[in-house]
PDB file of N, CA and C in Angstrom:
ATOM      1  N   MET A   1      -1.051  -6.137 -34.752  1.00  0.00           N
ATOM      2  CA  MET A   1      -0.755  -5.433 -33.515  1.00  0.00           C
ATOM      3  C   MET A   1      -1.120  -6.318 -32.329  1.00  0.00           C
ATOM      4  N   ASN A   2      -0.300  -6.307 -31.322  1.00  0.00           N
ATOM      5  CA  ASN A   2      -0.505  -7.104 -30.121  1.00  0.00           C
ATOM      6  C   ASN A   2      -1.449  -6.365 -29.176  1.00  0.00           C
ATOM      7  N   ASN A   3      -2.532  -7.022 -28.773  1.00  0.00           N
ATOM      8  CA  ASN A   3      -3.500  -6.401 -27.869  1.00  0.00           C
ATOM      9  C   ASN A   3      -3.318  -6.858 -26.433  1.00  0.00           C
ATOM     10  N   LYS A   4      -2.158  -7.393 -26.112  1.00  0.00           N
ATOM     11  CA  LYS A   4      -1.898  -7.860 -24.752  1.00  0.00           C
ATOM     12  C   LYS A   4      -1.905  -6.680 -23.786  1.00  0.00           C
ATOM     13  N   ARG A   5      -2.548  -6.883 -22.651  1.00  0.00           N
ATOM     14  CA  ARG A   5      -2.617  -5.852 -21.627  1.00  0.00           C
ATOM     15  C   ARG A   5      -1.613  -6.182 -20.524  1.00  0.00           C
ATOM     16  N   LEU A   6      -1.096  -5.151 -19.905  1.00  0.00           N
ATOM     17  CA  LEU A   6      -0.153  -5.309 -18.805  1.00  0.00           C
ATOM     18  C   LEU A   6      -0.938  -5.353 -17.501  1.00  0.00           C
ATOM     19  N   GLY A   7      -0.798  -6.436 -16.766  1.00  0.00           N
ATOM     20  CA  GLY A   7      -1.449  -6.575 -15.467  1.00  0.00           C
ATOM     21  C   GLY A   7      -0.483  -6.174 -14.365  1.00  0.00           C
ATOM     22  N   ILE A   8      -0.877  -5.188 -13.570  1.00  0.00           N
ATOM     23  CA  ILE A   8       0.013  -4.608 -12.565  1.00  0.00           C
ATOM     24  C   ILE A   8      -0.420  -5.018 -11.162  1.00  0.00           C
ATOM     25  N   GLY A   9       0.567  -5.350 -10.351  1.00  0.00           N
ATOM     26  CA  GLY A   9       0.371  -5.559  -8.930  1.00  0.00           C
ATOM     27  C   GLY A   9       1.165  -4.509  -8.176  1.00  0.00           C
ATOM     28  N   PHE A  10       0.519  -3.833  -7.259  1.00  0.00           N
ATOM     29  CA  PHE A  10       1.179  -2.802  -6.454  1.00  0.00           C
ATOM     30  C   PHE A  10       1.547  -3.371  -5.094  1.00  0.00           C
ATOM     31  N   ILE A  11       2.746  -3.058  -4.641  1.00  0.00           N
ATOM     32  CA  ILE A  11       3.175  -3.391  -3.290  1.00  0.00           C
ATOM     33  C   ILE A  11       3.241  -2.083  -2.526  1.00  0.00           C
ATOM     34  N   GLY A  12       2.410  -1.980  -1.514  1.00  0.00           N
ATOM     35  CA  GLY A  12       2.206  -0.733  -0.786  1.00  0.00           C
ATOM     36  C   GLY A  12       0.827  -0.214  -1.149  1.00  0.00           C
ATOM     37  N   GLY A  13       0.126   0.309  -0.193  1.00  0.00           N
ATOM     38  CA  GLY A  13      -1.242   0.754  -0.457  1.00  0.00           C
ATOM     39  C   GLY A  13      -1.505   2.190  -0.080  1.00  0.00           C
ATOM     40  N   GLY A  14      -0.454   2.954   0.124  1.00  0.00           N
ATOM     41  CA  GLY A  14      -0.618   4.322   0.602  1.00  0.00           C
ATOM     42  C   GLY A  14      -0.744   5.364  -0.493  1.00  0.00           C
ATOM     43  N   PHE A  15      -0.371   6.586  -0.139  1.00  0.00           N
ATOM     44  CA  PHE A  15      -0.540   7.749  -1.003  1.00  0.00           C
ATOM     45  C   PHE A  15       0.126   7.563  -2.357  1.00  0.00           C
ATOM     46  N   ILE A  16       1.362   7.112  -2.372  1.00  0.00           N
ATOM     47  CA  ILE A  16       2.096   6.983  -3.635  1.00  0.00           C
ATOM     48  C   ILE A  16       1.418   5.956  -4.541  1.00  0.00           C
ATOM     49  N   THR A  17       0.952   4.864  -3.980  1.00  0.00           N
ATOM     50  CA  THR A  17       0.232   3.867  -4.781  1.00  0.00           C
ATOM     51  C   THR A  17      -1.014   4.481  -5.387  1.00  0.00           C
ATOM     52  N   ARG A  18      -1.779   5.213  -4.593  1.00  0.00           N
ATOM     53  CA  ARG A  18      -2.996   5.836  -5.123  1.00  0.00           C
ATOM     54  C   ARG A  18      -2.663   6.856  -6.205  1.00  0.00           C
ATOM     55  N   PHE A  19      -1.567   7.577  -6.052  1.00  0.00           N
ATOM     56  CA  PHE A  19      -1.115   8.524  -7.073  1.00  0.00           C
ATOM     57  C   PHE A  19      -0.799   7.783  -8.378  1.00  0.00           C
ATOM     58  N   HIS A  20      -0.064   6.674  -8.279  1.00  0.00           N
ATOM     59  CA  HIS A  20       0.278   5.893  -9.472  1.00  0.00           C
ATOM     60  C   HIS A  20      -0.969   5.298 -10.124  1.00  0.00           C
ATOM     61  N   ILE A  21      -1.901   4.820  -9.319  1.00  0.00           N
ATOM     62  CA  ILE A  21      -3.146   4.269  -9.866  1.00  0.00           C
ATOM     63  C   ILE A  21      -3.877   5.337 -10.668  1.00  0.00           C
ATOM     64  N   GLN A  22      -3.987   6.544 -10.121  1.00  0.00           N
ATOM     65  CA  GLN A  22      -4.668   7.624 -10.841  1.00  0.00           C
ATOM     66  C   GLN A  22      -3.938   7.985 -12.126  1.00  0.00           C
ATOM     67  N   SER A  23      -2.616   7.904 -12.118  1.00  0.00           N
ATOM     68  CA  SER A  23      -1.851   8.248 -13.321  1.00  0.00           C
ATOM     69  C   SER A  23      -2.096   7.249 -14.449  1.00  0.00           C
ATOM     70  N   LEU A  24      -2.546   6.049 -14.123  1.00  0.00           N
ATOM     71  CA  LEU A  24      -2.788   5.037 -15.152  1.00  0.00           C
ATOM     72  C   LEU A  24      -3.984   5.366 -16.036  1.00  0.00           C
ATOM     73  N   LEU A  25      -4.775   6.357 -15.648  1.00  0.00           N
ATOM     74  CA  LEU A  25      -5.865   6.803 -16.517  1.00  0.00           C
ATOM     75  C   LEU A  25      -5.333   7.264 -17.869  1.00  0.00           C
ATOM     76  N   ALA A  26      -4.101   7.720 -17.898  1.00  0.00           N
ATOM     77  CA  ALA A  26      -3.499   8.239 -19.128  1.00  0.00           C
ATOM     78  C   ALA A  26      -2.678   7.187 -19.872  1.00  0.00           C
ATOM     79  N   VAL A  27      -2.744   5.939 -19.449  1.00  0.00           N
ATOM     80  CA  VAL A  27      -1.925   4.886 -20.045  1.00  0.00           C
ATOM     81  C   VAL A  27      -2.843   3.834 -20.673  1.00  0.00           C
ATOM     82  N   ARG A  28      -2.524   3.449 -21.894  1.00  0.00           N
ATOM     83  CA  ARG A  28      -3.325   2.429 -22.585  1.00  0.00           C
ATOM     84  C   ARG A  28      -2.876   1.022 -22.190  1.00  0.00           C
ATOM     85  N   ASP A  29      -3.817   0.110 -22.289  1.00  0.00           N
ATOM     86  CA  ASP A  29      -3.538  -1.332 -22.190  1.00  0.00           C
ATOM     87  C   ASP A  29      -2.898  -1.768 -20.874  1.00  0.00           C
ATOM     88  N   VAL A  30      -3.334  -1.168 -19.772  1.00  0.00           N
ATOM     89  CA  VAL A  30      -2.878  -1.596 -18.450  1.00  0.00           C
ATOM     90  C   VAL A  30      -4.086  -1.836 -17.546  1.00  0.00           C
ATOM     91  N   ASP A  31      -3.940  -2.769 -16.644  1.00  0.00           N
ATOM     92  CA  ASP A  31      -4.968  -3.053 -15.649  1.00  0.00           C
ATOM     93  C   ASP A  31      -4.307  -3.256 -14.301  1.00  0.00           C
ATOM     94  N   VAL A  32      -4.866  -2.645 -13.280  1.00  0.00           N
ATOM     95  CA  VAL A  32      -4.437  -2.946 -11.919  1.00  0.00           C
ATOM     96  C   VAL A  32      -5.147  -4.244 -11.533  1.00  0.00           C
ATOM     97  N   ILE A  33      -4.360  -5.236 -11.203  1.00  0.00           N
ATOM     98  CA  ILE A  33      -4.897  -6.544 -10.841  1.00  0.00           C
ATOM     99  C   ILE A  33      -4.991  -6.680  -9.326  1.00  0.00           C
ATOM    100  N   GLY A  34      -4.009  -6.144  -8.619  1.00  0.00           N
ATOM    101  CA  GLY A  34      -4.017  -6.295  -7.178  1.00  0.00           C
ATOM    102  C   GLY A  34      -3.116  -5.316  -6.468  1.00  0.00           C
ATOM    103  N   VAL A  35      -3.374  -5.202  -5.173  1.00  0.00           N
ATOM    104  CA  VAL A  35      -2.577  -4.353  -4.288  1.00  0.00           C
ATOM    105  C   VAL A  35      -2.305  -5.150  -3.024  1.00  0.00           C
ATOM    106  N   MET A  36      -1.045  -5.147  -2.601  1.00  0.00           N
ATOM    107  CA  MET A  36      -0.665  -5.798  -1.353  1.00  0.00           C
ATOM    108  C   MET A  36      -0.085  -4.744  -0.434  1.00  0.00           C
ATOM    109  N   SER A  37      -0.517  -4.747   0.796  1.00  0.00           N
ATOM    110  CA  SER A  37       0.015  -3.826   1.795  1.00  0.00           C
ATOM    111  C   SER A  37       0.049  -4.546   3.131  1.00  0.00           C
ATOM    112  N   LYS A  38       0.976  -4.145   3.988  1.00  0.00           N
ATOM    113  CA  LYS A  38       1.014  -4.713   5.339  1.00  0.00           C
ATOM    114  C   LYS A  38      -0.276  -4.394   6.082  1.00  0.00           C
ATOM    115  N   THR A  39      -0.917  -3.287   5.677  1.00  0.00           N
ATOM    116  CA  THR A  39      -2.204  -2.902   6.246  1.00  0.00           C
ATOM    117  C   THR A  39      -3.280  -3.255   5.229  1.00  0.00           C
ATOM    118  N   LEU A  40      -4.044  -4.301   5.479  1.00  0.00           N
ATOM    119  CA  LEU A  40      -5.021  -4.787   4.513  1.00  0.00           C
ATOM    120  C   LEU A  40      -6.017  -3.699   4.120  1.00  0.00           C
ATOM    121  N   LYS A  41      -6.404  -2.862   5.062  1.00  0.00           N
ATOM    122  CA  LYS A  41      -7.362  -1.795   4.753  1.00  0.00           C
ATOM    123  C   LYS A  41      -6.812  -0.864   3.672  1.00  0.00           C
ATOM    124  N   SER A  42      -5.531  -0.526   3.735  1.00  0.00           N
ATOM    125  CA  SER A  42      -4.920   0.327   2.708  1.00  0.00           C
ATOM    126  C   SER A  42      -4.938  -0.362   1.352  1.00  0.00           C
ATOM    127  N   ALA A  43      -4.641  -1.646   1.339  1.00  0.00           N
ATOM    128  CA  ALA A  43      -4.670  -2.402   0.083  1.00  0.00           C
ATOM    129  C   ALA A  43      -6.081  -2.424  -0.491  1.00  0.00           C
ATOM    130  N   GLU A  44      -7.067  -2.630   0.361  1.00  0.00           N
ATOM    131  CA  GLU A  44      -8.461  -2.653  -0.095  1.00  0.00           C
ATOM    132  C   GLU A  44      -8.878  -1.300  -0.655  1.00  0.00           C
ATOM    133  N   GLU A  45      -8.491  -0.224   0.021  1.00  0.00           N
ATOM    134  CA  GLU A  45      -8.851   1.116  -0.452  1.00  0.00           C
ATOM    135  C   GLU A  45      -8.208   1.420  -1.803  1.00  0.00           C
ATOM    136  N   SER A  46      -6.955   1.032  -1.988  1.00  0.00           N
ATOM    137  CA  SER A  46      -6.280   1.278  -3.263  1.00  0.00           C
ATOM    138  C   SER A  46      -6.874   0.418  -4.376  1.00  0.00           C
ATOM    139  N   ALA A  47      -7.179  -0.833  -4.085  1.00  0.00           N
ATOM    140  CA  ALA A  47      -7.817  -1.702  -5.084  1.00  0.00           C
ATOM    141  C   ALA A  47      -9.192  -1.156  -5.456  1.00  0.00           C
ATOM    142  N   ASP A  48      -9.948  -0.693  -4.465  1.00  0.00           N
ATOM    143  CA  ASP A  48     -11.259  -0.100  -4.733  1.00  0.00           C
ATOM    144  C   ASP A  48     -11.133   1.133  -5.620  1.00  0.00           C
ATOM    145  N   LEU A  49     -10.122   1.958  -5.363  1.00  0.00           N
ATOM    146  CA  LEU A  49      -9.899   3.144  -6.191  1.00  0.00           C
ATOM    147  C   LEU A  49      -9.668   2.738  -7.644  1.00  0.00           C
ATOM    148  N   ALA A  50      -8.812   1.751  -7.864  1.00  0.00           N
ATOM    149  CA  ALA A  50      -8.533   1.290  -9.233  1.00  0.00           C
ATOM    150  C   ALA A  50      -9.817   0.841  -9.925  1.00  0.00           C
ATOM    151  N   ASN A  51     -10.644   0.106  -9.215  1.00  0.00           N
ATOM    152  CA  ASN A  51     -11.902  -0.361  -9.796  1.00  0.00           C
ATOM    153  C   ASN A  51     -12.859   0.796 -10.062  1.00  0.00           C
ATOM    154  N   GLN A  52     -12.940   1.740  -9.133  1.00  0.00           N
ATOM    155  CA  GLN A  52     -13.864   2.866  -9.275  1.00  0.00           C
ATOM    156  C   GLN A  52     -13.518   3.769 -10.445  1.00  0.00           C
ATOM    157  N   ILE A  53     -12.230   3.998 -10.687  1.00  0.00           N
ATOM    158  CA  ILE A  53     -11.860   4.923 -11.766  1.00  0.00           C
ATOM    159  C   ILE A  53     -11.646   4.210 -13.098  1.00  0.00           C
ATOM    160  N   GLY A  54     -11.812   2.902 -13.113  1.00  0.00           N
ATOM    161  CA  GLY A  54     -11.791   2.170 -14.369  1.00  0.00           C
ATOM    162  C   GLY A  54     -10.444   1.663 -14.835  1.00  0.00           C
ATOM    163  N   VAL A  55      -9.452   1.625 -13.950  1.00  0.00           N
ATOM    164  CA  VAL A  55      -8.154   1.062 -14.342  1.00  0.00           C
ATOM    165  C   VAL A  55      -7.912  -0.295 -13.683  1.00  0.00           C
ATOM    166  N   GLY A  56      -8.872  -0.758 -12.927  1.00  0.00           N
ATOM    167  CA  GLY A  56      -8.744  -2.056 -12.282  1.00  0.00           C
ATOM    168  C   GLY A  56      -9.502  -3.122 -13.047  1.00  0.00           C
ATOM    169  N   ASP A  57      -8.900  -4.287 -13.170  1.00  0.00           N
ATOM    170  CA  ASP A  57      -9.570  -5.447 -13.746  1.00  0.00           C
ATOM    171  C   ASP A  57     -10.015  -6.308 -12.572  1.00  0.00           C
ATOM    172  N   ASN A  58     -11.086  -5.844 -11.916  1.00  0.00           N
ATOM    173  CA  ASN A  58     -11.545  -6.479 -10.689  1.00  0.00           C
ATOM    174  C   ASN A  58     -10.391  -6.579  -9.688  1.00  0.00           C
ATOM    175  N   ALA A  59      -9.685  -5.459  -9.527  1.00  0.00           N
ATOM    176  CA  ALA A  59      -8.518  -5.405  -8.631  1.00  0.00           C
ATOM    177  C   ALA A  59      -8.916  -5.835  -7.227  1.00  0.00           C
ATOM    178  N   LYS A  60      -8.000  -6.553  -6.588  1.00  0.00           N
ATOM    179  CA  LYS A  60      -8.291  -7.012  -5.238  1.00  0.00           C
ATOM    180  C   LYS A  60      -7.091  -6.793  -4.334  1.00  0.00           C
ATOM    181  N   ALA A  61      -7.357  -6.861  -3.049  1.00  0.00           N
ATOM    182  CA  ALA A  61      -6.309  -6.709  -2.040  1.00  0.00           C
ATOM    183  C   ALA A  61      -5.727  -8.083  -1.723  1.00  0.00           C
ATOM    184  N   TYR A  62      -4.426  -8.117  -1.563  1.00  0.00           N
ATOM    185  CA  TYR A  62      -3.722  -9.347  -1.198  1.00  0.00           C
ATOM    186  C   TYR A  62      -3.108  -9.177   0.181  1.00  0.00           C
ATOM    187  N   LYS A  63      -3.030 -10.284   0.910  1.00  0.00           N
ATOM    188  CA  LYS A  63      -2.445 -10.266   2.246  1.00  0.00           C
ATOM    189  C   LYS A  63      -0.944 -10.485   2.228  1.00  0.00           C
ATOM    190  N   SER A  64      -0.417 -11.019   1.122  1.00  0.00           N
ATOM    191  CA  SER A  64       1.024 -11.269   1.062  1.00  0.00           C
ATOM    192  C   SER A  64       1.535 -11.078  -0.361  1.00  0.00           C
ATOM    193  N   ILE A  65       2.811 -10.788  -0.453  1.00  0.00           N
ATOM    194  CA  ILE A  65       3.459 -10.660  -1.756  1.00  0.00           C
ATOM    195  C   ILE A  65       3.403 -12.002  -2.479  1.00  0.00           C
ATOM    196  N   THR A  66       3.636 -13.086  -1.763  1.00  0.00           N
ATOM    197  CA  THR A  66       3.629 -14.420  -2.366  1.00  0.00           C
ATOM    198  C   THR A  66       2.287 -14.725  -3.012  1.00  0.00           C
ATOM    199  N   ASP A  67       1.196 -14.399  -2.327  1.00  0.00           N
ATOM    200  CA  ASP A  67      -0.136 -14.627  -2.899  1.00  0.00           C
ATOM    201  C   ASP A  67      -0.336 -13.797  -4.163  1.00  0.00           C
ATOM    202  N   MET A  68       0.103 -12.554  -4.133  1.00  0.00           N
ATOM    203  CA  MET A  68      -0.097 -11.685  -5.290  1.00  0.00           C
ATOM    204  C   MET A  68       0.739 -12.154  -6.474  1.00  0.00           C
ATOM    205  N   ILE A  69       1.985 -12.520  -6.225  1.00  0.00           N
ATOM    206  CA  ILE A  69       2.861 -12.979  -7.304  1.00  0.00           C
ATOM    207  C   ILE A  69       2.292 -14.231  -7.971  1.00  0.00           C
ATOM    208  N   ALA A  70       1.577 -15.049  -7.236  1.00  0.00           N
ATOM    209  CA  ALA A  70       1.012 -16.280  -7.791  1.00  0.00           C
ATOM    210  C   ALA A  70      -0.128 -16.020  -8.771  1.00  0.00           C
ATOM    211  N   ASP A  71      -0.674 -14.813  -8.798  1.00  0.00           N
ATOM    212  CA  ASP A  71      -1.766 -14.487  -9.718  1.00  0.00           C
ATOM    213  C   ASP A  71      -1.210 -14.401 -11.136  1.00  0.00           C
ATOM    214  N   PRO A  72      -1.635 -15.275 -12.038  1.00  0.00           N
ATOM    215  CA  PRO A  72      -1.074 -15.285 -13.391  1.00  0.00           C
ATOM    216  C   PRO A  72      -1.427 -14.055 -14.220  1.00  0.00           C
ATOM    217  N   LYS A  73      -2.395 -13.269 -13.767  1.00  0.00           N
ATOM    218  CA  LYS A  73      -2.754 -12.056 -14.512  1.00  0.00           C
ATOM    219  C   LYS A  73      -1.780 -10.909 -14.252  1.00  0.00           C
ATOM    220  N   ILE A  74      -0.924 -11.043 -13.242  1.00  0.00           N
ATOM    221  CA  ILE A  74       0.038  -9.983 -12.920  1.00  0.00           C
ATOM    222  C   ILE A  74       1.318 -10.210 -13.712  1.00  0.00           C
ATOM    223  N   ASN A  75       1.677  -9.190 -14.502  1.00  0.00           N
ATOM    224  CA  ASN A  75       2.889  -9.239 -15.326  1.00  0.00           C
ATOM    225  C   ASN A  75       4.002  -8.360 -14.790  1.00  0.00           C
ATOM    226  N   ALA A  76       3.653  -7.386 -13.955  1.00  0.00           N
ATOM    227  CA  ALA A  76       4.638  -6.415 -13.469  1.00  0.00           C
ATOM    228  C   ALA A  76       4.269  -5.987 -12.060  1.00  0.00           C
ATOM    229  N   LEU A  77       5.291  -5.670 -11.281  1.00  0.00           N
ATOM    230  CA  LEU A  77       5.081  -5.177  -9.919  1.00  0.00           C
ATOM    231  C   LEU A  77       5.555  -3.737  -9.825  1.00  0.00           C
ATOM    232  N   TRP A  78       4.758  -2.904  -9.183  1.00  0.00           N
ATOM    233  CA  TRP A  78       5.153  -1.539  -8.844  1.00  0.00           C
ATOM    234  C   TRP A  78       5.434  -1.570  -7.344  1.00  0.00           C
ATOM    235  N   VAL A  79       6.660  -1.327  -6.954  1.00  0.00           N
ATOM    236  CA  VAL A  79       7.018  -1.339  -5.535  1.00  0.00           C
ATOM    237  C   VAL A  79       6.912   0.083  -5.009  1.00  0.00           C
ATOM    238  N   CYS A  80       5.875   0.313  -4.224  1.00  0.00           N
ATOM    239  CA  CYS A  80       5.594   1.641  -3.671  1.00  0.00           C
ATOM    240  C   CYS A  80       5.618   1.608  -2.151  1.00  0.00           C
ATOM    241  N   SER A  81       6.333   0.669  -1.613  1.00  0.00           N
ATOM    242  CA  SER A  81       6.458   0.572  -0.160  1.00  0.00           C
ATOM    243  C   SER A  81       7.435   1.638   0.328  1.00  0.00           C
ATOM    244  N   PRO A  82       7.427   1.922   1.619  1.00  0.00           N
ATOM    245  CA  PRO A  82       8.369   2.911   2.156  1.00  0.00           C
ATOM    246  C   PRO A  82       9.816   2.481   1.920  1.00  0.00           C
ATOM    247  N   ASN A  83      10.695   3.455   1.806  1.00  0.00           N
ATOM    248  CA  ASN A  83      12.110   3.176   1.536  1.00  0.00           C
ATOM    249  C   ASN A  83      12.698   2.155   2.504  1.00  0.00           C
ATOM    250  N   PHE A  84      12.392   2.288   3.793  1.00  0.00           N
ATOM    251  CA  PHE A  84      13.003   1.404   4.790  1.00  0.00           C
ATOM    252  C   PHE A  84      12.569  -0.048   4.621  1.00  0.00           C
ATOM    253  N   ALA A  85      11.489  -0.294   3.891  1.00  0.00           N
ATOM    254  CA  ALA A  85      10.964  -1.651   3.739  1.00  0.00           C
ATOM    255  C   ALA A  85      11.346  -2.301   2.415  1.00  0.00           C
ATOM    256  N   ARG A  86      12.058  -1.597   1.574  1.00  0.00           N
ATOM    257  CA  ARG A  86      12.268  -2.106   0.210  1.00  0.00           C
ATOM    258  C   ARG A  86      13.185  -3.314   0.130  1.00  0.00           C
ATOM    259  N   ILE A  87      14.227  -3.380   0.930  1.00  0.00           N
ATOM    260  CA  ILE A  87      15.104  -4.557   0.870  1.00  0.00           C
ATOM    261  C   ILE A  87      14.305  -5.799   1.248  1.00  0.00           C
ATOM    262  N   GLU A  88      13.565  -5.718   2.326  1.00  0.00           N
ATOM    263  CA  GLU A  88      12.725  -6.841   2.747  1.00  0.00           C
ATOM    264  C   GLU A  88      11.710  -7.197   1.658  1.00  0.00           C
ATOM    265  N   THR A  89      11.146  -6.182   1.021  1.00  0.00           N
ATOM    266  CA  THR A  89      10.168  -6.403  -0.043  1.00  0.00           C
ATOM    267  C   THR A  89      10.792  -7.155  -1.209  1.00  0.00           C
ATOM    268  N   PHE A  90      11.955  -6.698  -1.667  1.00  0.00           N
ATOM    269  CA  PHE A  90      12.601  -7.361  -2.797  1.00  0.00           C
ATOM    270  C   PHE A  90      13.078  -8.768  -2.434  1.00  0.00           C
ATOM    271  N   GLU A  91      13.482  -8.975  -1.199  1.00  0.00           N
ATOM    272  CA  GLU A  91      13.851 -10.326  -0.764  1.00  0.00           C
ATOM    273  C   GLU A  91      12.641 -11.254  -0.813  1.00  0.00           C
ATOM    274  N   GLU A  92      11.497 -10.740  -0.374  1.00  0.00           N
ATOM    275  CA  GLU A  92      10.282 -11.557  -0.401  1.00  0.00           C
ATOM    276  C   GLU A  92       9.868 -11.874  -1.840  1.00  0.00           C
ATOM    277  N   ILE A  93      10.008 -10.907  -2.735  1.00  0.00           N
ATOM    278  CA  ILE A  93       9.711 -11.146  -4.154  1.00  0.00           C
ATOM    279  C   ILE A  93      10.645 -12.225  -4.703  1.00  0.00           C
ATOM    280  N   ALA A  94      11.938 -12.067  -4.459  1.00  0.00           N
ATOM    281  CA  ALA A  94      12.924 -13.030  -4.968  1.00  0.00           C
ATOM    282  C   ALA A  94      12.677 -14.425  -4.409  1.00  0.00           C
ATOM    283  N   ASN A  95      12.372 -14.519  -3.132  1.00  0.00           N
ATOM    284  CA  ASN A  95      12.111 -15.825  -2.517  1.00  0.00           C
ATOM    285  C   ASN A  95      10.867 -16.484  -3.107  1.00  0.00           C
ATOM    286  N   ALA A  96       9.825 -15.688  -3.331  1.00  0.00           N
ATOM    287  CA  ALA A  96       8.594 -16.238  -3.902  1.00  0.00           C
ATOM    288  C   ALA A  96       8.838 -16.761  -5.313  1.00  0.00           C
ATOM    289  N   ILE A  97       9.586 -16.012  -6.097  1.00  0.00           N
ATOM    290  CA  ILE A  97       9.861 -16.434  -7.473  1.00  0.00           C
ATOM    291  C   ILE A  97      10.778 -17.653  -7.496  1.00  0.00           C
ATOM    292  N   SER A  98      11.839 -17.623  -6.687  1.00  0.00           N
ATOM    293  CA  SER A  98      12.796 -18.740  -6.711  1.00  0.00           C
ATOM    294  C   SER A  98      12.207 -20.028  -6.145  1.00  0.00           C
ATOM    295  N   SER A  99      11.183 -19.911  -5.312  1.00  0.00           N
ATOM    296  CA  SER A  99      10.555 -21.119  -4.763  1.00  0.00           C
ATOM    297  C   SER A  99       9.421 -21.631  -5.648  1.00  0.00           C
ATOM    298  N   GLY A 100       9.266 -21.014  -6.818  1.00  0.00           N
ATOM    299  CA  GLY A 100       8.295 -21.516  -7.784  1.00  0.00           C
ATOM    300  C   GLY A 100       6.888 -21.004  -7.624  1.00  0.00           C
ATOM    301  N   LYS A 101       6.691 -19.958  -6.854  1.00  0.00           N
ATOM    302  CA  LYS A 101       5.348 -19.409  -6.680  1.00  0.00           C
ATOM    303  C   LYS A 101       4.872 -18.698  -7.941  1.00  0.00           C
ATOM    304  N   ARG A 102       5.776 -18.441  -8.839  1.00  0.00           N
ATOM    305  CA  ARG A 102       5.445 -17.748 -10.088  1.00  0.00           C
ATOM    306  C   ARG A 102       5.849 -18.591 -11.243  1.00  0.00           C
TER     307      ARG A 102
END
């Protein structure tokens, strides 16, 4: 059996992100690695929540999507940013990956 854990990075640090983080209590083999938000305080609060409830693997706040994508422990991104920001978010993800940041 494969014991590989899924490392998650969240984009967005608000209510929906915190809801998803809490839901991970019911999921095996996942760790919140990081949270990125345009508002660093929101990212820090969400990362702290993940660590406090035991679903964070020393989760931390990131200042940019590019920085978070570069973390080799992150295997998947949860995009929880507001609807109006999603195109810009996905463009930033694509640019970071295509420029070799991942």
